[in-house]
């Protein structure tokens, strides 16, 4: 008997996108990097005049067992926030990554922390 598998567009885009590309996209879209645990994760927030529109965790450690699930969750959250289907989201992420590569000669560097923290520091909690 042939096993039927359902088509999952988010699974497909997780295989063509990288966390680095998503990080560039978030920076271009006005998200602010709160915290970066080098090589593990980034925490991003989307501020607005009325408060916070969104906050996400972007996994970076592709060798973690749960990386694919967490990366997929991040992409699903972005698609929901921007009301995009997976293909539209992937196109926007790829376009943002390509545009930042044309502008910056060092395309391997991650966006700077908006708070001025070093990459392994965490903001103090009040």
Protein backbone atom coordinates (compact mmCIF):
# COMPACT_ATOMS: atom_id res chain seq x y z
CA UNK A 1 0.00 0.00 0.00
CA UNK A 2 1.30 3.44 -0.95
CA UNK A 3 1.60 5.92 1.91
CA UNK A 4 -0.01 9.27 1.13
CA UNK A 5 1.78 12.35 2.41
CA UNK A 6 0.16 15.72 2.44
CA UNK A 7 1.88 18.66 0.83
CA UNK A 8 3.22 21.11 3.42
CA UNK A 9 4.31 24.42 1.85
CA UNK A 10 6.05 25.54 5.05
CA UNK A 11 8.17 22.40 5.08
CA UNK A 12 9.15 23.19 1.50
CA UNK A 13 10.23 26.77 2.23
CA UNK A 14 12.20 25.73 5.32
CA UNK A 15 14.35 23.66 2.99
CA UNK A 16 15.14 26.61 0.67
CA UNK A 17 15.57 29.41 3.23
CA UNK A 18 18.30 29.90 5.80
CA UNK A 19 18.13 31.56 9.20
CA UNK A 20 20.66 34.11 7.94
CA UNK A 21 18.30 35.12 5.11
CA UNK A 22 15.39 35.44 7.54
CA UNK A 23 17.54 37.56 9.87
CA UNK A 24 18.32 39.94 7.00
CA UNK A 25 14.62 40.07 6.10
CA UNK A 26 13.62 40.96 9.64
CA UNK A 27 16.16 43.80 9.74
CA UNK A 28 14.91 45.17 6.40
CA UNK A 29 11.29 44.99 7.59
CA UNK A 30 11.96 47.12 10.68
CA UNK A 31 12.22 44.40 13.31
CA UNK A 32 14.65 45.09 16.15
CA UNK A 33 17.10 42.47 17.35
CA UNK A 34 16.71 42.12 21.13
CA UNK A 35 19.07 39.27 21.87
CA UNK A 36 21.48 37.06 19.97
CA UNK A 37 22.90 33.85 21.39
CA UNK A 38 25.66 33.38 18.83
CA UNK A 39 24.97 30.32 16.71
CA UNK A 40 21.89 29.34 18.75
CA UNK A 41 19.03 31.85 18.36
CA UNK A 42 17.95 35.44 17.87
CA UNK A 43 15.00 37.17 19.52
CA UNK A 44 13.36 39.87 17.37
CA UNK A 45 10.58 42.36 18.15
CA UNK A 46 8.43 44.43 15.81
CA UNK A 47 7.68 47.75 17.49
CA UNK A 48 4.91 50.15 16.57
CA UNK A 49 3.73 53.49 17.87
CA UNK A 50 1.00 51.70 19.80
CA UNK A 51 3.29 49.10 21.35
CA UNK A 52 4.65 45.78 20.22
CA UNK A 53 3.22 44.17 17.05
CA UNK A 54 5.14 40.93 17.37
CA UNK A 55 8.05 39.08 18.92
CA UNK A 56 9.68 35.96 17.52
CA UNK A 57 12.53 33.56 18.17
CA UNK A 58 14.65 32.73 15.14
CA UNK A 59 16.57 29.48 15.61
CA UNK A 60 20.12 29.49 14.21
CA UNK A 61 21.52 26.12 15.31
CA UNK A 62 20.70 23.92 12.33
CA UNK A 63 22.25 20.87 14.03
CA UNK A 64 19.63 20.81 16.81
CA UNK A 65 17.12 17.98 16.55
CA UNK A 66 14.16 20.38 16.72
CA UNK A 67 15.60 23.04 14.38
CA UNK A 68 13.24 22.28 11.46
CA UNK A 69 10.14 22.45 13.63
CA UNK A 70 11.19 25.69 15.32
CA UNK A 71 12.27 27.31 12.03
CA UNK A 72 8.92 26.31 10.51
CA UNK A 73 7.11 27.86 13.50
CA UNK A 74 9.00 31.12 12.96
CA UNK A 75 8.11 31.21 9.26
CA UNK A 76 4.45 30.44 10.03
CA UNK A 77 4.38 33.30 12.54
CA UNK A 78 5.84 35.71 9.97
CA UNK A 79 3.31 34.59 7.34
CA UNK A 80 0.52 35.23 9.85
CA UNK A 81 1.84 38.65 10.88
CA UNK A 82 2.17 39.79 7.26
CA UNK A 83 -0.86 37.86 5.96
CA UNK A 84 1.21 36.06 3.32
CA UNK A 85 1.11 32.56 1.96
CA UNK A 86 4.34 30.53 2.28
CA UNK A 87 5.43 31.16 -1.33
CA UNK A 88 4.93 34.94 -1.00
CA UNK A 89 6.86 34.97 2.27
CA UNK A 90 9.74 33.01 0.73
CA UNK A 91 9.88 35.43 -2.23
CA UNK A 92 10.02 38.45 0.09
CA UNK A 93 12.75 36.89 2.24
CA UNK A 94 14.85 35.97 -0.79
CA UNK A 95 14.38 39.45 -2.32
CA UNK A 96 15.38 41.17 0.94
CA UNK A 97 18.45 38.98 1.24
CA UNK A 98 19.45 39.68 -2.36
CA UNK A 99 19.01 43.44 -1.92
CA UNK A 100 21.15 43.52 1.22
CA UNK A 101 23.85 41.50 -0.54
CA UNK A 102 24.02 44.09 -3.32
CA UNK A 103 24.39 46.94 -0.82
CA UNK A 104 26.85 45.41 1.64
CA UNK A 105 30.15 43.83 0.60
CA UNK A 106 30.22 41.72 3.81
CA UNK A 107 27.07 39.68 3.31
CA UNK A 108 28.07 37.13 5.97
CA UNK A 109 27.64 39.50 8.89
CA UNK A 110 24.43 39.42 10.88
CA UNK A 111 22.47 42.61 11.49
CA UNK A 112 23.65 44.61 14.51
CA UNK A 113 21.84 44.47 17.81
CA UNK A 114 19.52 47.44 18.07
CA UNK A 115 20.21 47.87 21.76
CA UNK A 116 23.99 48.18 21.42
CA UNK A 117 24.65 44.94 23.32
CA UNK A 118 27.49 42.62 22.46
CA UNK A 119 26.29 39.55 20.62
CA UNK A 120 26.30 37.22 23.64
CA UNK A 121 24.85 39.69 26.16
CA UNK A 122 21.25 39.74 27.19
CA UNK A 123 19.35 42.87 28.16
CA UNK A 124 18.82 43.48 31.86
CA UNK A 125 15.29 42.71 33.00
CA UNK A 126 13.44 45.36 34.91
